[in-house]
Amino acid sequence: MTPYDFVYTLVLGGVLEESLYDDQVNLLHLLLGVSLWGILIFTLEFISTKSDRLNKLFKGEPSVIVYNGQLVRPALKRNKLEMEQLRALLRTSGCYSLKNAKHMIMETGGQISLTTFDNQDETLSLLLIDEGHIEEKVLENHHLDKHWLTQELKQLGYRDIEQIVYAEWSEEKGLYVVKDSDLLDYPIRLDG
């Protein structure tokens, strides 16, 4: 269901609810309201099938969040996704590490389509750096410290934590880091 379809059902539900519980609304009013609503929906659907611009305006278009293993900055901003939300969406799709996400698409109805590099992704990862900020409570909770993290980052060649958009760690796979310069700065179009 797209947000547009959801509005359809809410308004129709409001029209039906009003006719059932309001004594001043009779059967003719109900039929007139449902008929007008039906004509409006049919007209908008007809117009949107004739125009790609209006169709995208009314129904939206899928957003590619991860493309070939890289985060897509415009899609993250457009969907107002934070890293914690992105990780939650990945986990609900069976992917426990951003490192394993090959392609992630947010469909117009809010569902997630996901392909991964490895089908055997069963390793939980910890979010250690989010938008240039160290997640100290996560480190503390897992008996790790800031010094350990900075040393690990230096060994991998990362000196400036503020340039790191995302860093995760798991015992099995180690540290995975995404710098600001690693993000794609252009949207990826799938349809139209």
N, C-alpha and C. Protein backbone atom coordinates (compact mmCIF):
# COMPACT_ATOMS: atom_id res chain seq x y z
N MET A 1 0.83 -1.18 0.00
CA MET A 1 0.00 0.00 0.00
C MET A 1 0.88 1.24 0.00
N THR A 2 0.67 2.11 -0.95
CA THR A 2 1.41 3.37 -0.97
C THR A 2 0.73 4.34 0.00
N PRO A 3 1.41 5.40 0.39
CA PRO A 3 0.76 6.40 1.25
C PRO A 3 -0.50 6.97 0.61
N TYR A 4 -0.49 7.08 -0.69
CA TYR A 4 -1.64 7.58 -1.42
C TYR A 4 -2.84 6.63 -1.25
N ASP A 5 -2.61 5.33 -1.36
CA ASP A 5 -3.67 4.33 -1.15
C ASP A 5 -4.17 4.38 0.29
N PHE A 6 -3.27 4.62 1.22
CA PHE A 6 -3.65 4.70 2.62
C PHE A 6 -4.60 5.87 2.86
N VAL A 7 -4.33 7.00 2.22
CA VAL A 7 -5.23 8.16 2.34
C VAL A 7 -6.59 7.83 1.77
N TYR A 8 -6.62 7.11 0.63
CA TYR A 8 -7.90 6.67 0.06
C TYR A 8 -8.75 5.97 1.10
N THR A 9 -8.15 4.98 1.75
CA THR A 9 -8.92 4.17 2.70
C THR A 9 -9.33 4.97 3.93
N LEU A 10 -8.47 5.86 4.39
CA LEU A 10 -8.84 6.68 5.55
C LEU A 10 -10.04 7.57 5.25
N VAL A 11 -10.03 8.22 4.09
CA VAL A 11 -11.14 9.12 3.75
C VAL A 11 -12.42 8.32 3.55
N LEU A 12 -12.31 7.19 2.87
CA LEU A 12 -13.50 6.36 2.67
C LEU A 12 -14.03 5.87 4.01
N GLY A 13 -13.13 5.49 4.91
CA GLY A 13 -13.55 5.08 6.26
C GLY A 13 -14.24 6.21 7.00
N GLY A 14 -13.74 7.44 6.83
CA GLY A 14 -14.37 8.60 7.47
C GLY A 14 -15.76 8.86 6.92
N VAL A 15 -15.94 8.72 5.62
CA VAL A 15 -17.26 8.91 5.00
C VAL A 15 -18.23 7.87 5.51
N LEU A 16 -17.80 6.61 5.56
CA LEU A 16 -18.68 5.54 6.04
C LEU A 16 -18.98 5.69 7.52
N GLU A 17 -17.98 6.04 8.29
CA GLU A 17 -18.19 6.22 9.74
C GLU A 17 -19.18 7.33 10.03
N GLU A 18 -19.06 8.42 9.31
CA GLU A 18 -19.96 9.57 9.51
C GLU A 18 -21.39 9.19 9.19
N SER A 19 -21.58 8.40 8.13
CA SER A 19 -22.94 8.02 7.74
C SER A 19 -23.56 7.04 8.72
N LEU A 20 -22.76 6.22 9.37
CA LEU A 20 -23.30 5.24 10.31
C LEU A 20 -23.66 5.85 11.66
N TYR A 21 -22.89 6.83 12.11
CA TYR A 21 -23.08 7.34 13.47
C TYR A 21 -23.76 8.70 13.54
N ASP A 22 -23.98 9.36 12.45
CA ASP A 22 -24.64 10.67 12.46
C ASP A 22 -26.08 10.50 11.98
N ASP A 23 -27.02 10.85 12.84
CA ASP A 23 -28.44 10.69 12.50
C ASP A 23 -28.89 11.62 11.38
N GLN A 24 -28.19 12.72 11.16
CA GLN A 24 -28.58 13.67 10.12
C GLN A 24 -28.12 13.25 8.73
N VAL A 25 -27.28 12.24 8.65
CA VAL A 25 -26.81 11.74 7.35
C VAL A 25 -27.66 10.54 6.95
N ASN A 26 -28.32 10.66 5.80
CA ASN A 26 -29.17 9.55 5.36
C ASN A 26 -28.48 8.75 4.26
N LEU A 27 -29.19 7.77 3.73
CA LEU A 27 -28.64 6.88 2.71
C LEU A 27 -28.24 7.63 1.44
N LEU A 28 -29.01 8.63 1.06
CA LEU A 28 -28.69 9.42 -0.13
C LEU A 28 -27.37 10.16 0.04
N HIS A 29 -27.16 10.73 1.23
CA HIS A 29 -25.88 11.41 1.50
C HIS A 29 -24.71 10.42 1.40
N LEU A 30 -24.91 9.22 1.96
CA LEU A 30 -23.86 8.20 1.91
C LEU A 30 -23.54 7.82 0.46
N LEU A 31 -24.56 7.56 -0.34
CA LEU A 31 -24.35 7.19 -1.73
C LEU A 31 -23.67 8.32 -2.52
N LEU A 32 -24.09 9.54 -2.25
CA LEU A 32 -23.49 10.68 -2.92
C LEU A 32 -22.00 10.82 -2.54
N GLY A 33 -21.69 10.69 -1.26
CA GLY A 33 -20.30 10.80 -0.79
C GLY A 33 -19.41 9.70 -1.36
N VAL A 34 -19.90 8.46 -1.33
CA VAL A 34 -19.12 7.34 -1.85
C VAL A 34 -18.95 7.48 -3.36
N SER A 35 -20.01 7.92 -4.06
CA SER A 35 -19.93 8.11 -5.51
C SER A 35 -18.91 9.19 -5.88
N LEU A 36 -18.97 10.34 -5.20
CA LEU A 36 -18.00 11.40 -5.47
C LEU A 36 -16.58 10.95 -5.18
N TRP A 37 -16.40 10.24 -4.07
CA TRP A 37 -15.08 9.74 -3.72
C TRP A 37 -14.59 8.75 -4.78
N GLY A 38 -15.46 7.86 -5.24
CA GLY A 38 -15.10 6.90 -6.28
C GLY A 38 -14.72 7.59 -7.58
N ILE A 39 -15.48 8.61 -7.97
CA ILE A 39 -15.18 9.36 -9.20
C ILE A 39 -13.83 10.08 -9.06
N LEU A 40 -13.58 10.67 -7.90
CA LEU A 40 -12.32 11.35 -7.67
C LEU A 40 -11.14 10.37 -7.75
N ILE A 41 -11.27 9.22 -7.13
CA ILE A 41 -10.21 8.21 -7.16
C ILE A 41 -9.98 7.75 -8.60
N PHE A 42 -11.07 7.44 -9.31
CA PHE A 42 -10.94 6.97 -10.70
C PHE A 42 -10.26 8.03 -11.56
N THR A 43 -10.65 9.30 -11.38
CA THR A 43 -10.06 10.39 -12.16
C THR A 43 -8.57 10.52 -11.88
N LEU A 44 -8.19 10.51 -10.59
CA LEU A 44 -6.77 10.62 -10.24
C LEU A 44 -5.97 9.43 -10.75
N GLU A 45 -6.53 8.22 -10.66
CA GLU A 45 -5.84 7.04 -11.18
C GLU A 45 -5.66 7.14 -12.69
N PHE A 46 -6.69 7.59 -13.39
CA PHE A 46 -6.64 7.73 -14.84
C PHE A 46 -5.58 8.75 -15.25
N ILE A 47 -5.58 9.89 -14.56
CA ILE A 47 -4.60 10.95 -14.86
C ILE A 47 -3.18 10.46 -14.57
N SER A 48 -3.02 9.76 -13.46
CA SER A 48 -1.66 9.32 -13.09
C SER A 48 -1.14 8.24 -14.04
N THR A 49 -2.01 7.46 -14.66
CA THR A 49 -1.52 6.47 -15.64
C THR A 49 -1.10 7.13 -16.94
N LYS A 50 -1.62 8.32 -17.21
CA LYS A 50 -1.27 9.03 -18.45
C LYS A 50 -0.02 9.89 -18.31
N SER A 51 0.36 10.22 -17.08
CA SER A 51 1.50 11.11 -16.86
C SER A 51 2.47 10.49 -15.86
N ASP A 52 3.71 10.28 -16.30
CA ASP A 52 4.72 9.73 -15.41
C ASP A 52 5.03 10.66 -14.24
N ARG A 53 5.05 11.95 -14.50
CA ARG A 53 5.33 12.92 -13.43
C ARG A 53 4.27 12.86 -12.34
N LEU A 54 3.00 12.85 -12.75
CA LEU A 54 1.92 12.79 -11.77
C LEU A 54 1.90 11.43 -11.06
N ASN A 55 2.22 10.37 -11.78
CA ASN A 55 2.26 9.06 -11.16
C ASN A 55 3.31 9.02 -10.05
N LYS A 56 4.48 9.58 -10.32
CA LYS A 56 5.53 9.64 -9.29
C LYS A 56 5.13 10.55 -8.13
N LEU A 57 4.42 11.63 -8.45
CA LEU A 57 3.96 12.54 -7.41
C LEU A 57 2.93 11.86 -6.50
N PHE A 58 1.97 11.16 -7.10
CA PHE A 58 0.91 10.52 -6.32
C PHE A 58 1.37 9.25 -5.62
N LYS A 59 2.14 8.44 -6.31
CA LYS A 59 2.47 7.11 -5.78
C LYS A 59 3.90 6.96 -5.33
N GLY A 60 4.77 7.91 -5.67
CA GLY A 60 6.17 7.83 -5.28
C GLY A 60 6.96 6.93 -6.19
N GLU A 61 8.23 6.75 -5.83
CA GLU A 61 9.11 5.86 -6.58
C GLU A 61 10.05 5.19 -5.60
N PRO A 62 10.53 4.00 -5.95
CA PRO A 62 11.44 3.32 -5.03
C PRO A 62 12.74 4.08 -4.85
N SER A 63 13.31 3.97 -3.66
CA SER A 63 14.58 4.63 -3.35
C SER A 63 15.66 3.59 -3.14
N VAL A 64 16.74 3.72 -3.88
CA VAL A 64 17.89 2.82 -3.70
C VAL A 64 18.72 3.40 -2.56
N ILE A 65 18.76 2.69 -1.45
CA ILE A 65 19.48 3.13 -0.25
C ILE A 65 20.94 2.66 -0.31
N VAL A 66 21.14 1.41 -0.74
CA VAL A 66 22.47 0.85 -0.89
C VAL A 66 22.57 0.33 -2.32
N TYR A 67 23.61 0.76 -3.02
CA TYR A 67 23.82 0.33 -4.41
C TYR A 67 25.21 -0.26 -4.54
N ASN A 68 25.24 -1.54 -4.86
CA ASN A 68 26.49 -2.26 -5.03
C ASN A 68 27.42 -2.08 -3.81
N GLY A 69 26.83 -2.14 -2.64
CA GLY A 69 27.60 -2.05 -1.39
C GLY A 69 27.87 -0.64 -0.89
N GLN A 70 27.44 0.39 -1.64
CA GLN A 70 27.70 1.77 -1.23
C GLN A 70 26.39 2.45 -0.81
N LEU A 71 26.47 3.22 0.26
CA LEU A 71 25.32 4.01 0.69
C LEU A 71 25.07 5.14 -0.30
N VAL A 72 23.80 5.45 -0.52
CA VAL A 72 23.41 6.51 -1.45
C VAL A 72 22.90 7.69 -0.62
N ARG A 73 23.71 8.73 -0.52
CA ARG A 73 23.40 9.88 0.34
C ARG A 73 22.04 10.53 0.04
N PRO A 74 21.71 10.83 -1.23
CA PRO A 74 20.41 11.47 -1.49
C PRO A 74 19.21 10.62 -1.04
N ALA A 75 19.33 9.31 -1.15
CA ALA A 75 18.25 8.43 -0.71
C ALA A 75 18.12 8.41 0.81
N LEU A 76 19.25 8.44 1.51
CA LEU A 76 19.21 8.51 2.97
C LEU A 76 18.55 9.80 3.43
N LYS A 77 18.90 10.91 2.79
CA LYS A 77 18.32 12.21 3.16
C LYS A 77 16.85 12.28 2.80
N ARG A 78 16.50 11.82 1.61
CA ARG A 78 15.11 11.89 1.14
C ARG A 78 14.18 11.09 2.05
N ASN A 79 14.66 9.94 2.52
CA ASN A 79 13.85 9.08 3.38
C ASN A 79 14.08 9.36 4.86
N LYS A 80 14.93 10.35 5.16
CA LYS A 80 15.24 10.75 6.54
C LYS A 80 15.65 9.54 7.39
N LEU A 81 16.55 8.73 6.83
CA LEU A 81 17.03 7.53 7.51
C LEU A 81 18.31 7.82 8.29
N GLU A 82 18.30 7.47 9.55
CA GLU A 82 19.50 7.51 10.37
C GLU A 82 20.11 6.13 10.38
N MET A 83 21.35 6.02 10.79
CA MET A 83 22.05 4.74 10.74
C MET A 83 21.37 3.67 11.61
N GLU A 84 20.85 4.06 12.77
CA GLU A 84 20.16 3.08 13.62
C GLU A 84 18.94 2.53 12.90
N GLN A 85 18.20 3.40 12.21
CA GLN A 85 17.02 2.96 11.47
C GLN A 85 17.42 2.06 10.31
N LEU A 86 18.49 2.44 9.62
CA LEU A 86 18.98 1.63 8.51
C LEU A 86 19.37 0.24 9.00
N ARG A 87 20.08 0.18 10.11
CA ARG A 87 20.48 -1.11 10.67
C ARG A 87 19.26 -1.94 11.07
N ALA A 88 18.24 -1.30 11.63
CA ALA A 88 17.02 -2.03 12.00
C ALA A 88 16.32 -2.60 10.76
N LEU A 89 16.26 -1.81 9.70
CA LEU A 89 15.65 -2.30 8.45
C LEU A 89 16.45 -3.47 7.88
N LEU A 90 17.76 -3.38 7.94
CA LEU A 90 18.59 -4.49 7.47
C LEU A 90 18.34 -5.75 8.29
N ARG A 91 18.30 -5.59 9.63
CA ARG A 91 18.10 -6.77 10.49
C ARG A 91 16.75 -7.43 10.24
N THR A 92 15.70 -6.62 10.04
CA THR A 92 14.39 -7.21 9.78
C THR A 92 14.35 -7.95 8.45
N SER A 93 15.30 -7.66 7.57
CA SER A 93 15.40 -8.36 6.30
C SER A 93 16.42 -9.50 6.35
N GLY A 94 16.98 -9.77 7.54
CA GLY A 94 17.90 -10.89 7.71
C GLY A 94 19.35 -10.57 7.44
N CYS A 95 19.70 -9.30 7.37
CA CYS A 95 21.09 -8.90 7.13
C CYS A 95 21.58 -8.19 8.40
N TYR A 96 22.62 -8.71 9.01
CA TYR A 96 23.07 -8.19 10.30
C TYR A 96 24.29 -7.29 10.22
N SER A 97 24.71 -6.98 9.00
CA SER A 97 25.87 -6.12 8.83
C SER A 97 25.70 -5.30 7.55
N LEU A 98 25.95 -4.01 7.63
CA LEU A 98 25.89 -3.17 6.44
C LEU A 98 26.93 -3.62 5.42
N LYS A 99 28.01 -4.18 5.89
CA LYS A 99 29.07 -4.67 5.01
C LYS A 99 28.54 -5.73 4.04
N ASN A 100 27.52 -6.48 4.45
CA ASN A 100 26.99 -7.57 3.64
C ASN A 100 25.87 -7.11 2.70
N ALA A 101 25.37 -5.89 2.86
CA ALA A 101 24.27 -5.41 2.02
C ALA A 101 24.79 -5.02 0.65
N LYS A 102 24.30 -5.68 -0.38
CA LYS A 102 24.72 -5.37 -1.75
C LYS A 102 23.81 -4.31 -2.35
N HIS A 103 22.51 -4.56 -2.34
CA HIS A 103 21.52 -3.61 -2.83
C HIS A 103 20.37 -3.58 -1.83
N MET A 104 19.94 -2.38 -1.47
CA MET A 104 18.79 -2.21 -0.57
C MET A 104 17.90 -1.15 -1.17
N ILE A 105 16.64 -1.52 -1.38
CA ILE A 105 15.68 -0.62 -2.01
C ILE A 105 14.48 -0.46 -1.09
N MET A 106 14.12 0.79 -0.82
CA MET A 106 12.89 1.06 -0.09
C MET A 106 11.80 1.26 -1.13
N GLU A 107 10.85 0.34 -1.12
CA GLU A 107 9.77 0.38 -2.10
C GLU A 107 8.75 1.45 -1.73
N THR A 108 7.86 1.78 -2.66
CA THR A 108 6.90 2.86 -2.45
C THR A 108 5.94 2.57 -1.30
N GLY A 109 5.70 1.30 -1.01
CA GLY A 109 4.81 0.95 0.09
C GLY A 109 5.51 0.84 1.43
N GLY A 110 6.82 1.11 1.47
CA GLY A 110 7.57 1.06 2.72
C GLY A 110 8.30 -0.25 2.95
N GLN A 111 8.10 -1.25 2.10
CA GLN A 111 8.81 -2.51 2.25
C GLN A 111 10.26 -2.34 1.81
N ILE A 112 11.08 -3.30 2.24
CA ILE A 112 12.50 -3.29 1.89
C ILE A 112 12.79 -4.48 0.99
N SER A 113 13.46 -4.21 -0.12
CA SER A 113 14.00 -5.27 -0.97
C SER A 113 15.50 -5.26 -0.76
N LEU A 114 16.07 -6.44 -0.51
CA LEU A 114 17.47 -6.52 -0.14
C LEU A 114 18.15 -7.69 -0.82
N THR A 115 19.32 -7.44 -1.37
CA THR A 115 20.21 -8.52 -1.80
C THR A 115 21.51 -8.37 -1.03
N THR A 116 22.13 -9.50 -0.74
CA THR A 116 23.35 -9.48 0.06
C THR A 116 24.50 -10.13 -0.72
N PHE A 117 25.71 -9.83 -0.29
CA PHE A 117 26.89 -10.45 -0.89
C PHE A 117 27.01 -11.91 -0.45
N ASP A 118 26.66 -12.18 0.82
CA ASP A 118 26.82 -13.51 1.40
C ASP A 118 25.49 -13.94 2.00
N ASN A 119 25.01 -15.12 1.62
CA ASN A 119 23.73 -15.60 2.14
C ASN A 119 23.81 -16.11 3.57
N GLN A 120 24.99 -16.33 4.07
CA GLN A 120 25.18 -16.86 5.42
C GLN A 120 25.48 -15.76 6.42
N ASP A 121 24.70 -14.68 6.42
CA ASP A 121 24.95 -13.55 7.31
C ASP A 121 24.27 -13.79 8.65
N GLU A 122 25.01 -14.32 9.60
CA GLU A 122 24.45 -14.59 10.92
C GLU A 122 25.26 -13.93 12.03
N THR A 123 26.13 -13.02 11.65
CA THR A 123 27.01 -12.36 12.61
C THR A 123 26.44 -11.01 12.98
N LEU A 124 26.12 -10.83 14.25
CA LEU A 124 25.65 -9.53 14.72
C LEU A 124 26.81 -8.55 14.76
N SER A 125 26.53 -7.32 14.38
CA SER A 125 27.57 -6.29 14.42
C SER A 125 27.14 -5.19 15.39
N LEU A 126 28.12 -4.47 15.88
CA LEU A 126 27.88 -3.37 16.82
C LEU A 126 28.14 -2.05 16.11
N LEU A 127 27.25 -1.09 16.28
CA LEU A 127 27.45 0.25 15.73
C LEU A 127 28.37 1.01 16.67
N LEU A 128 29.59 1.30 16.19
CA LEU A 128 30.58 1.98 17.04
C LEU A 128 30.72 3.46 16.73
N ILE A 129 30.56 3.84 15.45
CA ILE A 129 30.62 5.25 15.07
C ILE A 129 29.42 5.56 14.20
N ASP A 130 28.71 6.61 14.57
CA ASP A 130 27.53 7.04 13.83
C ASP A 130 27.67 8.53 13.52
N GLU A 131 27.79 8.86 12.23
CA GLU A 131 27.92 10.25 11.79
C GLU A 131 29.05 10.99 12.50
N GLY A 132 30.19 10.34 12.64
CA GLY A 132 31.36 10.98 13.22
C GLY A 132 31.41 10.99 14.73
N HIS A 133 30.45 10.35 15.38
CA HIS A 133 30.40 10.31 16.85
C HIS A 133 30.57 8.88 17.34
N ILE A 134 31.45 8.70 18.30
CA ILE A 134 31.68 7.37 18.88
C ILE A 134 30.52 7.03 19.81
N GLU A 135 30.01 5.83 19.65
CA GLU A 135 28.92 5.33 20.49
C GLU A 135 29.54 4.71 21.75
N GLU A 136 29.79 5.57 22.72
CA GLU A 136 30.51 5.15 23.93
C GLU A 136 29.72 4.14 24.76
N LYS A 137 28.41 4.25 24.78
CA LYS A 137 27.60 3.30 25.56
C LYS A 137 27.69 1.90 24.97
N VAL A 138 27.76 1.81 23.66
CA VAL A 138 27.90 0.50 23.00
C VAL A 138 29.27 -0.09 23.35
N LEU A 139 30.31 0.74 23.26
CA LEU A 139 31.66 0.27 23.63
C LEU A 139 31.67 -0.24 25.07
N GLU A 140 31.12 0.56 25.96
CA GLU A 140 31.11 0.22 27.38
C GLU A 140 30.33 -1.07 27.63
N ASN A 141 29.19 -1.21 26.97
CA ASN A 141 28.34 -2.37 27.16
C ASN A 141 29.02 -3.67 26.74
N HIS A 142 29.93 -3.57 25.79
CA HIS A 142 30.60 -4.77 25.28
C HIS A 142 32.06 -4.86 25.71
N HIS A 143 32.37 -4.13 26.79
CA HIS A 143 33.70 -4.17 27.41
C HIS A 143 34.81 -3.78 26.43
N LEU A 144 34.52 -2.78 25.63
CA LEU A 144 35.50 -2.20 24.73
C LEU A 144 35.71 -0.75 25.17
N ASP A 145 36.76 -0.11 24.70
CA ASP A 145 36.97 1.29 25.08
C ASP A 145 37.38 2.13 23.87
N LYS A 146 37.35 3.42 24.09
CA LYS A 146 37.65 4.40 23.04
C LYS A 146 39.09 4.24 22.53
N HIS A 147 40.00 3.97 23.44
CA HIS A 147 41.40 3.80 23.06
C HIS A 147 41.55 2.61 22.10
N TRP A 148 40.92 1.51 22.41
CA TRP A 148 40.96 0.32 21.53
C TRP A 148 40.44 0.69 20.14
N LEU A 149 39.31 1.41 20.10
CA LEU A 149 38.70 1.77 18.82
C LEU A 149 39.62 2.68 18.00
N THR A 150 40.19 3.69 18.64
CA THR A 150 41.06 4.61 17.90
C THR A 150 42.31 3.89 17.39
N GLN A 151 42.83 2.94 18.16
CA GLN A 151 44.00 2.17 17.71
C GLN A 151 43.64 1.29 16.51
N GLU A 152 42.47 0.65 16.56
CA GLU A 152 42.02 -0.18 15.44
C GLU A 152 41.84 0.68 14.18
N LEU A 153 41.27 1.86 14.35
CA LEU A 153 41.07 2.75 13.21
C LEU A 153 42.40 3.21 12.63
N LYS A 154 43.36 3.54 13.50
CA LYS A 154 44.68 3.97 13.02
C LYS A 154 45.38 2.87 12.24
N GLN A 155 45.23 1.62 12.69
CA GLN A 155 45.84 0.50 11.98
C GLN A 155 45.26 0.36 10.57
N LEU A 156 43.99 0.73 10.41
CA LEU A 156 43.35 0.65 9.10
C LEU A 156 43.55 1.92 8.28
N GLY A 157 44.21 2.92 8.87
CA GLY A 157 44.52 4.15 8.14
C GLY A 157 43.51 5.27 8.32
N TYR A 158 42.64 5.17 9.30
CA TYR A 158 41.64 6.20 9.55
C TYR A 158 42.10 7.06 10.73
N ARG A 159 42.37 8.33 10.48
CA ARG A 159 42.86 9.23 11.52
C ARG A 159 41.77 10.16 12.04
N ASP A 160 40.88 10.62 11.15
CA ASP A 160 39.88 11.61 11.52
C ASP A 160 38.51 10.94 11.70
N ILE A 161 38.09 10.80 12.94
CA ILE A 161 36.82 10.13 13.24
C ILE A 161 35.64 10.91 12.69
N GLU A 162 35.75 12.23 12.60
CA GLU A 162 34.64 13.04 12.11
C GLU A 162 34.34 12.77 10.63
N GLN A 163 35.30 12.21 9.89
CA GLN A 163 35.09 11.88 8.49
C GLN A 163 34.44 10.50 8.31
N ILE A 164 34.26 9.79 9.42
CA ILE A 164 33.65 8.46 9.36
C ILE A 164 32.15 8.59 9.57
N VAL A 165 31.39 8.15 8.59
CA VAL A 165 29.93 8.21 8.67
C VAL A 165 29.41 7.03 9.48
N TYR A 166 30.07 5.90 9.33
CA TYR A 166 29.56 4.66 9.92
C TYR A 166 30.72 3.72 10.19
N ALA A 167 30.73 3.10 11.36
CA ALA A 167 31.69 2.04 11.65
C ALA A 167 31.00 0.99 12.51
N GLU A 168 31.14 -0.25 12.07
CA GLU A 168 30.58 -1.36 12.82
C GLU A 168 31.68 -2.38 13.09
N TRP A 169 31.45 -3.21 14.10
CA TRP A 169 32.44 -4.21 14.47
C TRP A 169 31.74 -5.49 14.89
N SER A 170 32.31 -6.60 14.48
CA SER A 170 31.86 -7.90 14.98
C SER A 170 33.10 -8.74 15.26
N GLU A 171 32.97 -9.68 16.17
CA GLU A 171 34.12 -10.51 16.52
C GLU A 171 34.60 -11.32 15.33
N GLU A 172 33.67 -11.80 14.52
CA GLU A 172 34.03 -12.66 13.40
C GLU A 172 34.60 -11.89 12.21
N LYS A 173 34.04 -10.70 11.92
CA LYS A 173 34.42 -9.98 10.71
C LYS A 173 35.26 -8.74 10.97
N GLY A 174 35.43 -8.36 12.21
CA GLY A 174 36.25 -7.20 12.54
C GLY A 174 35.54 -5.88 12.28
N LEU A 175 36.33 -4.87 11.96
CA LEU A 175 35.85 -3.50 11.81
C LEU A 175 35.49 -3.22 10.34
N TYR A 176 34.35 -2.60 10.14
CA TYR A 176 33.92 -2.16 8.81
C TYR A 176 33.63 -0.67 8.90
N VAL A 177 34.29 0.13 8.05
CA VAL A 177 34.21 1.58 8.15
C VAL A 177 33.72 2.16 6.83
N VAL A 178 32.82 3.14 6.93
CA VAL A 178 32.35 3.89 5.76
C VAL A 178 32.68 5.36 6.00
N LYS A 179 33.54 5.91 5.14
CA LYS A 179 33.89 7.33 5.24
C LYS A 179 32.87 8.15 4.47
N ASP A 180 32.86 9.44 4.75
CA ASP A 180 31.98 10.36 4.05
C ASP A 180 32.22 10.31 2.54
N SER A 181 33.46 10.17 2.14
CA SER A 181 33.79 10.15 0.71
C SER A 181 33.38 8.84 0.04
N ASP A 182 33.01 7.81 0.81
CA ASP A 182 32.58 6.54 0.24
C ASP A 182 31.13 6.55 -0.21
N LEU A 183 30.35 7.53 0.24
CA LEU A 183 28.94 7.58 -0.11
C LEU A 183 28.75 8.07 -1.54
N LEU A 184 27.76 7.51 -2.22
CA LEU A 184 27.40 8.00 -3.55
C LEU A 184 26.62 9.29 -3.39
N ASP A 185 26.93 10.30 -4.18
CA ASP A 185 26.28 11.60 -4.05
C ASP A 185 25.24 11.86 -5.13
N TYR A 186 24.79 10.83 -5.80
CA TYR A 186 23.76 10.99 -6.83
C TYR A 186 22.72 9.89 -6.64
N PRO A 187 21.47 10.20 -6.92
CA PRO A 187 20.43 9.17 -6.73
C PRO A 187 20.53 8.10 -7.82
N ILE A 188 20.13 6.91 -7.46
CA ILE A 188 20.08 5.78 -8.39
C ILE A 188 18.61 5.57 -8.77
N ARG A 189 18.30 5.65 -10.05
CA ARG A 189 16.93 5.48 -10.52
C ARG A 189 16.73 4.04 -10.98
N LEU A 190 15.59 3.47 -10.60
CA LEU A 190 15.24 2.12 -11.04
C LEU A 190 14.15 2.13 -12.10
N ASP A 191 13.17 2.98 -11.90
CA ASP A 191 12.00 3.02 -12.77
C ASP A 191 11.89 4.40 -13.40
N GLY A 192 11.50 4.44 -14.64
CA GLY A 192 11.19 5.70 -15.31
C GLY A 192 12.32 6.58 -15.49
